[in-house]
Structures are given as C-alpha cells and as structure tokens.
Amino acid sequence: MPTRQSPSVFSLQEAVGAAPGLAELQARIRQSQRCLDLVRERIPHALRTQVTAGPLQDTEWCLLVRSSAAAAKLRQLLPALRDALHESGAQVSAIRIKVQTPGR
C-alpha cells in the first residue's frame, strides 16, 4: 500500500513570492488600504464603520459600503476624499462607491 505524502505547505509570503500575480494582488490590496487610511479623517466618525477599502485598478479606486444611505453620504464627500488622496500624492483619479449586499 503506497504511503500518502502530505502536500507541501507554504506560508502566505512564500506563495506570494512564488507567484508574481499574487504579489501584484497583495500590493494592490495594500495600496487600497493605504488610500482608505488617507481619507479616513474626512469620513464622519459614525460612517467609518460602514466603509471598507475595495479594489484598486489602475487609477480607479472603489469604496465598499454597507448601505445605500452610507453610499449617498459618501457621494457627497467625494470631492473631499479625492482632495485628500491628491494631497498625499496617491495616484487615484476616480473613486467609485459600491453598496455591498448582505451575504457577499
């Protein structure tokens, strides 16, 4: 009876290092989170828990929100959020807002 060899176990860092696509994805995730950190102070405190960093593609960044009401308020804040990004040197020319539906 042949013995089963356990599959190789890689740490996340090792997997990312072995796959350039994963390294690029990890860099975009970090950059998106950095953008959220840069604009956080411009988002009202009560609204901050409703907002998470979404995908960053080229120069377009997406903010994910938990409700339509939060999305409406963020849309009003878009000029201030873009200003905060530009003042910090972030290369973001457009911000999209997407409402997350429950279960996704």
PDB file of N, CA and C in Angstrom:
ATOM      1  N   MET A   1       0.847  -1.171   0.000  1.00  0.00           N
ATOM      2  CA  MET A   1       0.000   0.000   0.000  1.00  0.00           C
ATOM      3  C   MET A   1       0.894   1.237   0.000  1.00  0.00           C
ATOM      4  N   PRO A   2       0.736   2.102  -1.019  1.00  0.00           N
ATOM      5  CA  PRO A   2       1.586   3.283  -1.091  1.00  0.00           C
ATOM      6  C   PRO A   2       1.240   4.268   0.027  1.00  0.00           C
ATOM      7  N   THR A   3       2.264   4.940   0.496  1.00  0.00           N
ATOM      8  CA  THR A   3       2.022   5.936   1.544  1.00  0.00           C
ATOM      9  C   THR A   3       1.664   7.263   0.886  1.00  0.00           C
ATOM     10  N   ARG A   4       0.807   7.987   1.547  1.00  0.00           N
ATOM     11  CA  ARG A   4       0.406   9.300   1.039  1.00  0.00           C
ATOM     12  C   ARG A   4       1.374  10.345   1.568  1.00  0.00           C
ATOM     13  N   GLN A   5       1.878  11.117   0.684  1.00  0.00           N
ATOM     14  CA  GLN A   5       2.737  12.211   1.097  1.00  0.00           C
ATOM     15  C   GLN A   5       1.864  13.435   1.332  1.00  0.00           C
ATOM     16  N   SER A   6       2.145  14.119   2.404  1.00  0.00           N
ATOM     17  CA  SER A   6       1.362  15.331   2.665  1.00  0.00           C
ATOM     18  C   SER A   6       1.795  16.409   1.677  1.00  0.00           C
ATOM     19  N   PRO A   7       0.836  17.197   1.223  1.00  0.00           N
ATOM     20  CA  PRO A   7       1.197  18.259   0.279  1.00  0.00           C
ATOM     21  C   PRO A   7       2.097  19.280   0.969  1.00  0.00           C
ATOM     22  N   SER A   8       2.908  19.913   0.165  1.00  0.00           N
ATOM     23  CA  SER A   8       3.789  20.944   0.712  1.00  0.00           C
ATOM     24  C   SER A   8       2.944  22.085   1.256  1.00  0.00           C
ATOM     25  N   VAL A   9       3.363  22.590   2.379  1.00  0.00           N
ATOM     26  CA  VAL A   9       2.657  23.696   2.993  1.00  0.00           C
ATOM     27  C   VAL A   9       3.529  24.938   2.848  1.00  0.00           C
ATOM     28  N   PHE A  10       2.926  25.989   2.304  1.00  0.00           N
ATOM     29  CA  PHE A  10       3.630  27.242   2.087  1.00  0.00           C
ATOM     30  C   PHE A  10       3.006  28.316   2.963  1.00  0.00           C
ATOM     31  N   SER A  11       3.849  29.205   3.430  1.00  0.00           N
ATOM     32  CA  SER A  11       3.315  30.381   4.114  1.00  0.00           C
ATOM     33  C   SER A  11       2.764  31.317   3.041  1.00  0.00           C
ATOM     34  N   LEU A  12       1.977  32.268   3.457  1.00  0.00           N
ATOM     35  CA  LEU A  12       1.434  33.241   2.507  1.00  0.00           C
ATOM     36  C   LEU A  12       2.563  33.980   1.811  1.00  0.00           C
ATOM     37  N   GLN A  13       3.583  34.371   2.550  1.00  0.00           N
ATOM     38  CA  GLN A  13       4.719  35.087   1.967  1.00  0.00           C
ATOM     39  C   GLN A  13       5.414  34.232   0.900  1.00  0.00           C
ATOM     40  N   GLU A  14       5.594  32.940   1.174  1.00  0.00           N
ATOM     41  CA  GLU A  14       6.238  32.055   0.204  1.00  0.00           C
ATOM     42  C   GLU A  14       5.381  31.911  -1.049  1.00  0.00           C
ATOM     43  N   ALA A  15       4.064  31.770  -0.862  1.00  0.00           N
ATOM     44  CA  ALA A  15       3.161  31.637  -2.002  1.00  0.00           C
ATOM     45  C   ALA A  15       3.178  32.899  -2.852  1.00  0.00           C
ATOM     46  N   VAL A  16       3.161  34.038  -2.198  1.00  0.00           N
ATOM     47  CA  VAL A  16       3.189  35.313  -2.927  1.00  0.00           C
ATOM     48  C   VAL A  16       4.496  35.449  -3.683  1.00  0.00           C
ATOM     49  N   GLY A  17       5.599  35.062  -3.048  1.00  0.00           N
ATOM     50  CA  GLY A  17       6.893  35.157  -3.705  1.00  0.00           C
ATOM     51  C   GLY A  17       7.013  34.235  -4.904  1.00  0.00           C
ATOM     52  N   ALA A  18       6.303  33.116  -4.876  1.00  0.00           N
ATOM     53  CA  ALA A  18       6.378  32.143  -5.960  1.00  0.00           C
ATOM     54  C   ALA A  18       5.438  32.483  -7.111  1.00  0.00           C
ATOM     55  N   ALA A  19       4.485  33.369  -6.894  1.00  0.00           N
ATOM     56  CA  ALA A  19       3.506  33.694  -7.929  1.00  0.00           C
ATOM     57  C   ALA A  19       3.447  35.209  -8.115  1.00  0.00           C
ATOM     58  N   PRO A  20       4.007  35.713  -9.203  1.00  0.00           N
ATOM     59  CA  PRO A  20       4.011  37.158  -9.431  1.00  0.00           C
ATOM     60  C   PRO A  20       2.604  37.771  -9.417  1.00  0.00           C
ATOM     61  N   GLY A  21       1.617  37.034  -9.888  1.00  0.00           N
ATOM     62  CA  GLY A  21       0.244  37.542  -9.880  1.00  0.00           C
ATOM     63  C   GLY A  21      -0.258  37.793  -8.470  1.00  0.00           C
ATOM     64  N   LEU A  22       0.106  36.904  -7.544  1.00  0.00           N
ATOM     65  CA  LEU A  22      -0.293  37.099  -6.150  1.00  0.00           C
ATOM     66  C   LEU A  22       0.436  38.283  -5.526  1.00  0.00           C
ATOM     67  N   ALA A  23       1.687  38.459  -5.892  1.00  0.00           N
ATOM     68  CA  ALA A  23       2.446  39.598  -5.363  1.00  0.00           C
ATOM     69  C   ALA A  23       1.818  40.904  -5.823  1.00  0.00           C
ATOM     70  N   GLU A  24       1.399  40.961  -7.071  1.00  0.00           N
ATOM     71  CA  GLU A  24       0.747  42.165  -7.592  1.00  0.00           C
ATOM     72  C   GLU A  24      -0.586  42.403  -6.882  1.00  0.00           C
ATOM     73  N   LEU A  25      -1.341  41.343  -6.664  1.00  0.00           N
ATOM     74  CA  LEU A  25      -2.614  41.461  -5.958  1.00  0.00           C
ATOM     75  C   LEU A  25      -2.397  41.958  -4.532  1.00  0.00           C
ATOM     76  N   GLN A  26      -1.417  41.407  -3.858  1.00  0.00           N
ATOM     77  CA  GLN A  26      -1.134  41.837  -2.491  1.00  0.00           C
ATOM     78  C   GLN A  26      -0.723  43.309  -2.457  1.00  0.00           C
ATOM     79  N   ALA A  27       0.039  43.747  -3.428  1.00  0.00           N
ATOM     80  CA  ALA A  27       0.456  45.154  -3.490  1.00  0.00           C
ATOM     81  C   ALA A  27      -0.752  46.059  -3.712  1.00  0.00           C
ATOM     82  N   ARG A  28      -1.676  45.643  -4.581  1.00  0.00           N
ATOM     83  CA  ARG A  28      -2.883  46.457  -4.822  1.00  0.00           C
ATOM     84  C   ARG A  28      -3.767  46.507  -3.585  1.00  0.00           C
ATOM     85  N   ILE A  29      -3.849  45.410  -2.846  1.00  0.00           N
ATOM     86  CA  ILE A  29      -4.637  45.393  -1.609  1.00  0.00           C
ATOM     87  C   ILE A  29      -4.031  46.363  -0.603  1.00  0.00           C
ATOM     88  N   ARG A  30      -2.713  46.338  -0.465  1.00  0.00           N
ATOM     89  CA  ARG A  30      -2.043  47.270   0.452  1.00  0.00           C
ATOM     90  C   ARG A  30      -2.252  48.712   0.030  1.00  0.00           C
ATOM     91  N   GLN A  31      -2.166  48.964  -1.264  1.00  0.00           N
ATOM     92  CA  GLN A  31      -2.343  50.319  -1.778  1.00  0.00           C
ATOM     93  C   GLN A  31      -3.778  50.794  -1.549  1.00  0.00           C
ATOM     94  N   SER A  32      -4.753  49.930  -1.726  1.00  0.00           N
ATOM     95  CA  SER A  32      -6.147  50.283  -1.487  1.00  0.00           C
ATOM     96  C   SER A  32      -6.377  50.612  -0.016  1.00  0.00           C
ATOM     97  N   GLN A  33      -5.806  49.816   0.859  1.00  0.00           N
ATOM     98  CA  GLN A  33      -5.941  50.078   2.299  1.00  0.00           C
ATOM     99  C   GLN A  33      -5.258  51.392   2.672  1.00  0.00           C
ATOM    100  N   ARG A  34      -4.133  51.676   2.035  1.00  0.00           N
ATOM    101  CA  ARG A  34      -3.442  52.950   2.275  1.00  0.00           C
ATOM    102  C   ARG A  34      -4.336  54.120   1.867  1.00  0.00           C
ATOM    103  N   CYS A  35      -5.017  53.990   0.736  1.00  0.00           N
ATOM    104  CA  CYS A  35      -5.942  55.042   0.298  1.00  0.00           C
ATOM    105  C   CYS A  35      -7.032  55.268   1.341  1.00  0.00           C
ATOM    106  N   LEU A  36      -7.577  54.186   1.884  1.00  0.00           N
ATOM    107  CA  LEU A  36      -8.605  54.336   2.915  1.00  0.00           C
ATOM    108  C   LEU A  36      -8.028  55.038   4.139  1.00  0.00           C
ATOM    109  N   ASP A  37      -6.819  54.684   4.518  1.00  0.00           N
ATOM    110  CA  ASP A  37      -6.174  55.351   5.656  1.00  0.00           C
ATOM    111  C   ASP A  37      -6.001  56.850   5.390  1.00  0.00           C
ATOM    112  N   LEU A  38      -5.714  57.215   4.136  1.00  0.00           N
ATOM    113  CA  LEU A  38      -5.507  58.622   3.788  1.00  0.00           C
ATOM    114  C   LEU A  38      -6.794  59.443   3.855  1.00  0.00           C
ATOM    115  N   VAL A  39      -7.940  58.824   3.573  1.00  0.00           N
ATOM    116  CA  VAL A  39      -9.205  59.572   3.551  1.00  0.00           C
ATOM    117  C   VAL A  39     -10.021  59.404   4.826  1.00  0.00           C
ATOM    118  N   ARG A  40      -9.619  58.504   5.701  1.00  0.00           N
ATOM    119  CA  ARG A  40     -10.414  58.170   6.893  1.00  0.00           C
ATOM    120  C   ARG A  40     -10.827  59.401   7.702  1.00  0.00           C
ATOM    121  N   GLU A  41      -9.918  60.355   7.864  1.00  0.00           N
ATOM    122  CA  GLU A  41     -10.221  61.544   8.664  1.00  0.00           C
ATOM    123  C   GLU A  41     -11.293  62.421   8.024  1.00  0.00           C
ATOM    124  N   ARG A  42     -11.508  62.278   6.732  1.00  0.00           N
ATOM    125  CA  ARG A  42     -12.515  63.085   6.030  1.00  0.00           C
ATOM    126  C   ARG A  42     -13.894  62.414   6.053  1.00  0.00           C
ATOM    127  N   ILE A  43     -13.955  61.212   6.551  1.00  0.00           N
ATOM    128  CA  ILE A  43     -15.227  60.484   6.660  1.00  0.00           C
ATOM    129  C   ILE A  43     -15.755  60.679   8.073  1.00  0.00           C
ATOM    130  N   PRO A  44     -17.012  61.091   8.223  1.00  0.00           N
ATOM    131  CA  PRO A  44     -17.568  61.267   9.570  1.00  0.00           C
ATOM    132  C   PRO A  44     -17.398  60.001  10.405  1.00  0.00           C
ATOM    133  N   HIS A  45     -17.085  60.199  11.671  1.00  0.00           N
ATOM    134  CA  HIS A  45     -16.798  59.080  12.571  1.00  0.00           C
ATOM    135  C   HIS A  45     -17.895  58.010  12.542  1.00  0.00           C
ATOM    136  N   ALA A  46     -19.153  58.413  12.578  1.00  0.00           N
ATOM    137  CA  ALA A  46     -20.269  57.459  12.605  1.00  0.00           C
ATOM    138  C   ALA A  46     -20.356  56.640  11.321  1.00  0.00           C
ATOM    139  N   LEU A  47     -19.782  57.134  10.250  1.00  0.00           N
ATOM    140  CA  LEU A  47     -19.853  56.459   8.954  1.00  0.00           C
ATOM    141  C   LEU A  47     -18.662  55.537   8.697  1.00  0.00           C
ATOM    142  N   ARG A  48     -17.591  55.725   9.435  1.00  0.00           N
ATOM    143  CA  ARG A  48     -16.356  54.976   9.179  1.00  0.00           C
ATOM    144  C   ARG A  48     -16.525  53.464   9.264  1.00  0.00           C
ATOM    145  N   THR A  49     -17.358  52.985  10.162  1.00  0.00           N
ATOM    146  CA  THR A  49     -17.541  51.534  10.302  1.00  0.00           C
ATOM    147  C   THR A  49     -18.315  50.939   9.127  1.00  0.00           C
ATOM    148  N   GLN A  50     -18.931  51.798   8.330  1.00  0.00           N
ATOM    149  CA  GLN A  50     -19.720  51.350   7.179  1.00  0.00           C
ATOM    150  C   GLN A  50     -18.886  51.213   5.908  1.00  0.00           C
ATOM    151  N   VAL A  51     -17.637  51.652   5.963  1.00  0.00           N
ATOM    152  CA  VAL A  51     -16.805  51.768   4.763  1.00  0.00           C
ATOM    153  C   VAL A  51     -15.595  50.852   4.849  1.00  0.00           C
ATOM    154  N   THR A  52     -15.330  50.128   3.759  1.00  0.00           N
ATOM    155  CA  THR A  52     -14.104  49.323   3.655  1.00  0.00           C
ATOM    156  C   THR A  52     -13.441  49.602   2.308  1.00  0.00           C
ATOM    157  N   ALA A  53     -12.159  49.351   2.254  1.00  0.00           N
ATOM    158  CA  ALA A  53     -11.404  49.545   1.016  1.00  0.00           C
ATOM    159  C   ALA A  53     -11.774  48.451   0.029  1.00  0.00           C
ATOM    160  N   GLY A  54     -12.038  48.863  -1.187  1.00  0.00           N
ATOM    161  CA  GLY A  54     -12.363  47.914  -2.247  1.00  0.00           C
ATOM    162  C   GLY A  54     -11.229  47.834  -3.252  1.00  0.00           C
ATOM    163  N   PRO A  55     -11.529  47.302  -4.417  1.00  0.00           N
ATOM    164  CA  PRO A  55     -10.491  47.120  -5.436  1.00  0.00           C
ATOM    165  C   PRO A  55      -9.892  48.435  -5.926  1.00  0.00           C
ATOM    166  N   LEU A  56      -8.624  48.368  -6.262  1.00  0.00           N
ATOM    167  CA  LEU A  56      -7.905  49.484  -6.871  1.00  0.00           C
ATOM    168  C   LEU A  56      -7.402  48.978  -8.212  1.00  0.00           C
ATOM    169  N   GLN A  57      -7.898  49.599  -9.278  1.00  0.00           N
ATOM    170  CA  GLN A  57      -7.495  49.184 -10.624  1.00  0.00           C
ATOM    171  C   GLN A  57      -7.001  50.408 -11.366  1.00  0.00           C
ATOM    172  N   ASP A  58      -5.750  50.352 -11.736  1.00  0.00           N
ATOM    173  CA  ASP A  58      -5.091  51.488 -12.373  1.00  0.00           C
ATOM    174  C   ASP A  58      -5.246  52.710 -11.471  1.00  0.00           C
ATOM    175  N   THR A  59      -5.986  53.718 -11.905  1.00  0.00           N
ATOM    176  CA  THR A  59      -6.157  54.920 -11.092  1.00  0.00           C
ATOM    177  C   THR A  59      -7.586  55.054 -10.576  1.00  0.00           C
ATOM    178  N   GLU A  60      -8.357  53.971 -10.638  1.00  0.00           N
ATOM    179  CA  GLU A  60      -9.728  53.996 -10.129  1.00  0.00           C
ATOM    180  C   GLU A  60      -9.807  53.142  -8.866  1.00  0.00           C
ATOM    181  N   TRP A  61     -10.337  53.737  -7.825  1.00  0.00           N
ATOM    182  CA  TRP A  61     -10.442  53.072  -6.525  1.00  0.00           C
ATOM    183  C   TRP A  61     -11.909  52.917  -6.174  1.00  0.00           C
ATOM    184  N   CYS A  62     -12.236  51.830  -5.523  1.00  0.00           N
ATOM    185  CA  CYS A  62     -13.617  51.547  -5.139  1.00  0.00           C
ATOM    186  C   CYS A  62     -13.721  51.480  -3.619  1.00  0.00           C
ATOM    187  N   LEU A  63     -14.726  52.171  -3.084  1.00  0.00           N
ATOM    188  CA  LEU A  63     -15.053  52.068  -1.669  1.00  0.00           C
ATOM    189  C   LEU A  63     -16.286  51.197  -1.540  1.00  0.00           C
ATOM    190  N   LEU A  64     -16.246  50.245  -0.635  1.00  0.00           N
ATOM    191  CA  LEU A  64     -17.382  49.367  -0.385  1.00  0.00           C
ATOM    192  C   LEU A  64     -18.106  49.858   0.850  1.00  0.00           C
ATOM    193  N   VAL A  65     -19.425  49.990   0.748  1.00  0.00           N
ATOM    194  CA  VAL A  65     -20.222  50.473   1.866  1.00  0.00           C
ATOM    195  C   VAL A  65     -21.351  49.496   2.158  1.00  0.00           C
ATOM    196  N   ARG A  66     -21.861  49.553   3.379  1.00  0.00           N
ATOM    197  CA  ARG A  66     -22.848  48.580   3.827  1.00  0.00           C
ATOM    198  C   ARG A  66     -24.293  48.975   3.572  1.00  0.00           C
ATOM    199  N   SER A  67     -24.538  50.219   3.196  1.00  0.00           N
ATOM    200  CA  SER A  67     -25.922  50.638   2.990  1.00  0.00           C
ATOM    201  C   SER A  67     -26.015  51.721   1.936  1.00  0.00           C
ATOM    202  N   SER A  68     -27.203  51.867   1.398  1.00  0.00           N
ATOM    203  CA  SER A  68     -27.455  52.917   0.415  1.00  0.00           C
ATOM    204  C   SER A  68     -27.307  54.297   1.037  1.00  0.00           C
ATOM    205  N   ALA A  69     -27.732  54.428   2.293  1.00  0.00           N
ATOM    206  CA  ALA A  69     -27.620  55.717   2.980  1.00  0.00           C
ATOM    207  C   ALA A  69     -26.156  56.118   3.128  1.00  0.00           C
ATOM    208  N   ALA A  70     -25.308  55.161   3.489  1.00  0.00           N
ATOM    209  CA  ALA A  70     -23.880  55.438   3.618  1.00  0.00           C
ATOM    210  C   ALA A  70     -23.294  55.807   2.258  1.00  0.00           C
ATOM    211  N   ALA A  71     -23.731  55.129   1.209  1.00  0.00           N
ATOM    212  CA  ALA A  71     -23.252  55.431  -0.144  1.00  0.00           C
ATOM    213  C   ALA A  71     -23.643  56.848  -0.543  1.00  0.00           C
ATOM    214  N   ALA A  72     -24.868  57.255  -0.224  1.00  0.00           N
ATOM    215  CA  ALA A  72     -25.328  58.602  -0.569  1.00  0.00           C
ATOM    216  C   ALA A  72     -24.476  59.656   0.133  1.00  0.00           C
ATOM    217  N   LYS A  73     -24.192  59.447   1.391  1.00  0.00           N
ATOM    218  CA  LYS A  73     -23.371  60.402   2.142  1.00  0.00           C
ATOM    219  C   LYS A  73     -21.952  60.451   1.577  1.00  0.00           C
ATOM    220  N   LEU A  74     -21.388  59.290   1.268  1.00  0.00           N
ATOM    221  CA  LEU A  74     -20.031  59.258   0.711  1.00  0.00           C
ATOM    222  C   LEU A  74     -19.960  59.968  -0.633  1.00  0.00           C
ATOM    223  N   ARG A  75     -21.017  59.833  -1.426  1.00  0.00           N
ATOM    224  CA  ARG A  75     -21.024  60.520  -2.721  1.00  0.00           C
ATOM    225  C   ARG A  75     -20.910  62.031  -2.525  1.00  0.00           C
ATOM    226  N   GLN A  76     -21.516  62.540  -1.461  1.00  0.00           N
ATOM    227  CA  GLN A  76     -21.411  63.965  -1.166  1.00  0.00           C
ATOM    228  C   GLN A  76     -19.977  64.336  -0.773  1.00  0.00           C
ATOM    229  N   LEU A  77     -19.262  63.381  -0.214  1.00  0.00           N
ATOM    230  CA  LEU A  77     -17.900  63.626   0.271  1.00  0.00           C
ATOM    231  C   LEU A  77     -16.811  63.368  -0.771  1.00  0.00           C
ATOM    232  N   LEU A  78     -17.190  62.888  -1.954  1.00  0.00           N
ATOM    233  CA  LEU A  78     -16.190  62.507  -2.957  1.00  0.00           C
ATOM    234  C   LEU A  78     -15.170  63.602  -3.268  1.00  0.00           C
ATOM    235  N   PRO A  79     -15.582  64.858  -3.441  1.00  0.00           N
ATOM    236  CA  PRO A  79     -14.550  65.883  -3.708  1.00  0.00           C
ATOM    237  C   PRO A  79     -13.515  65.979  -2.580  1.00  0.00           C
ATOM    238  N   ALA A  80     -13.954  65.919  -1.344  1.00  0.00           N
ATOM    239  CA  ALA A  80     -13.019  65.996  -0.211  1.00  0.00           C
ATOM    240  C   ALA A  80     -12.128  64.759  -0.154  1.00  0.00           C
ATOM    241  N   LEU A  81     -12.678  63.596  -0.480  1.00  0.00           N
ATOM    242  CA  LEU A  81     -11.880  62.367  -0.469  1.00  0.00           C
ATOM    243  C   LEU A  81     -10.822  62.411  -1.569  1.00  0.00           C
ATOM    244  N   ARG A  82     -11.217  62.860  -2.759  1.00  0.00           N
ATOM    245  CA  ARG A  82     -10.238  62.995  -3.854  1.00  0.00           C
ATOM    246  C   ARG A  82      -9.150  63.989  -3.485  1.00  0.00           C
ATOM    247  N   ASP A  83      -9.539  65.106  -2.852  1.00  0.00           N
ATOM    248  CA  ASP A  83      -8.543  66.097  -2.425  1.00  0.00           C
ATOM    249  C   ASP A  83      -7.542  65.480  -1.452  1.00  0.00           C
ATOM    250  N   ALA A  84      -8.039  64.695  -0.497  1.00  0.00           N
ATOM    251  CA  ALA A  84      -7.152  64.058   0.485  1.00  0.00           C
ATOM    252  C   ALA A  84      -6.169  63.123  -0.208  1.00  0.00           C
ATOM    253  N   LEU A  85      -6.637  62.382  -1.193  1.00  0.00           N
ATOM    254  CA  LEU A  85      -5.751  61.471  -1.925  1.00  0.00           C
ATOM    255  C   LEU A  85      -4.705  62.248  -2.715  1.00  0.00           C
ATOM    256  N   HIS A  86      -5.142  63.293  -3.411  1.00  0.00           N
ATOM    257  CA  HIS A  86      -4.207  64.082  -4.220  1.00  0.00           C
ATOM    258  C   HIS A  86      -3.178  64.799  -3.353  1.00  0.00           C
ATOM    259  N   GLU A  87      -3.618  65.316  -2.206  1.00  0.00           N
ATOM    260  CA  GLU A  87      -2.689  65.995  -1.288  1.00  0.00           C
ATOM    261  C   GLU A  87      -1.611  65.045  -0.781  1.00  0.00           C
ATOM    262  N   SER A  88      -1.951  63.766  -0.705  1.00  0.00           N
ATOM    263  CA  SER A  88      -0.999  62.768  -0.211  1.00  0.00           C
ATOM    264  C   SER A  88      -0.191  62.126  -1.331  1.00  0.00           C
ATOM    265  N   GLY A  89      -0.451  62.535  -2.557  1.00  0.00           N
ATOM    266  CA  GLY A  89       0.297  62.000  -3.686  1.00  0.00           C
ATOM    267  C   GLY A  89      -0.215  60.684  -4.235  1.00  0.00           C
ATOM    268  N   ALA A  90      -1.371  60.236  -3.790  1.00  0.00           N
ATOM    269  CA  ALA A  90      -1.937  58.984  -4.306  1.00  0.00           C
ATOM    270  C   ALA A  90      -2.359  59.180  -5.759  1.00  0.00           C
ATOM    271  N   GLN A  91      -2.107  58.196  -6.569  1.00  0.00           N
ATOM    272  CA  GLN A  91      -2.413  58.261  -7.996  1.00  0.00           C
ATOM    273  C   GLN A  91      -3.817  57.716  -8.268  1.00  0.00           C
ATOM    274  N   VAL A  92      -4.820  58.359  -7.697  1.00  0.00           N
ATOM    275  CA  VAL A  92      -6.213  57.948  -7.883  1.00  0.00           C
ATOM    276  C   VAL A  92      -6.945  59.095  -8.558  1.00  0.00           C
ATOM    277  N   SER A  93      -7.532  58.817  -9.729  1.00  0.00           N
ATOM    278  CA  SER A  93      -8.244  59.871 -10.449  1.00  0.00           C
ATOM    279  C   SER A  93      -9.755  59.735 -10.313  1.00  0.00           C
ATOM    280  N   ALA A  94     -10.227  58.560  -9.908  1.00  0.00           N
ATOM    281  CA  ALA A  94     -11.669  58.348  -9.769  1.00  0.00           C
ATOM    282  C   ALA A  94     -11.935  57.432  -8.578  1.00  0.00           C
ATOM    283  N   ILE A  95     -13.030  57.725  -7.890  1.00  0.00           N
ATOM    284  CA  ILE A  95     -13.469  56.887  -6.766  1.00  0.00           C
ATOM    285  C   ILE A  95     -14.878  56.410  -7.065  1.00  0.00           C
ATOM    286  N   ARG A  96     -15.065  55.103  -7.032  1.00  0.00           N
ATOM    287  CA  ARG A  96     -16.397  54.513  -7.177  1.00  0.00           C
ATOM    288  C   ARG A  96     -16.892  54.098  -5.803  1.00  0.00           C
ATOM    289  N   ILE A  97     -18.187  54.093  -5.633  1.00  0.00           N
ATOM    290  CA  ILE A  97     -18.789  53.630  -4.386  1.00  0.00           C
ATOM    291  C   ILE A  97     -19.737  52.496  -4.729  1.00  0.00           C
ATOM    292  N   LYS A  98     -19.558  51.387  -4.044  1.00  0.00           N
ATOM    293  CA  LYS A  98     -20.382  50.206  -4.300  1.00  0.00           C
ATOM    294  C   LYS A  98     -21.009  49.750  -2.997  1.00  0.00           C
ATOM    295  N   VAL A  99     -22.324  49.544  -3.026  1.00  0.00           N
ATOM    296  CA  VAL A  99     -23.028  49.051  -1.851  1.00  0.00           C
ATOM    297  C   VAL A  99     -22.895  47.532  -1.824  1.00  0.00           C
ATOM    298  N   GLN A 100     -22.416  47.018  -0.716  1.00  0.00           N
ATOM    299  CA  GLN A 100     -22.301  45.567  -0.542  1.00  0.00           C
ATOM    300  C   GLN A 100     -23.653  45.022  -0.143  1.00  0.00           C
ATOM    301  N   THR A 101     -24.077  43.981  -0.806  1.00  0.00           N
ATOM    302  CA  THR A 101     -25.325  43.348  -0.412  1.00  0.00           C
ATOM    303  C   THR A 101     -25.033  42.271   0.615  1.00  0.00           C
ATOM    304  N   PRO A 102     -25.943  42.037   1.543  1.00  0.00           N
ATOM    305  CA  PRO A 102     -25.703  41.020   2.585  1.00  0.00           C
ATOM    306  C   PRO A 102     -25.394  39.664   1.954  1.00  0.00           C
ATOM    307  N   GLY A 103     -24.443  38.964   2.575  1.00  0.00           N
ATOM    308  CA  GLY A 103     -24.090  37.628   2.102  1.00  0.00           C
ATOM    309  C   GLY A 103     -23.031  37.622   1.036  1.00  0.00           C
ATOM    310  N   ARG A 104     -22.475  38.764   0.690  1.00  0.00           N
ATOM    311  CA  ARG A 104     -21.421  38.806  -0.342  1.00  0.00           C
ATOM    312  C   ARG A 104     -20.129  39.255   0.249  1.00  0.00           C
TER     313      ARG A 104
END
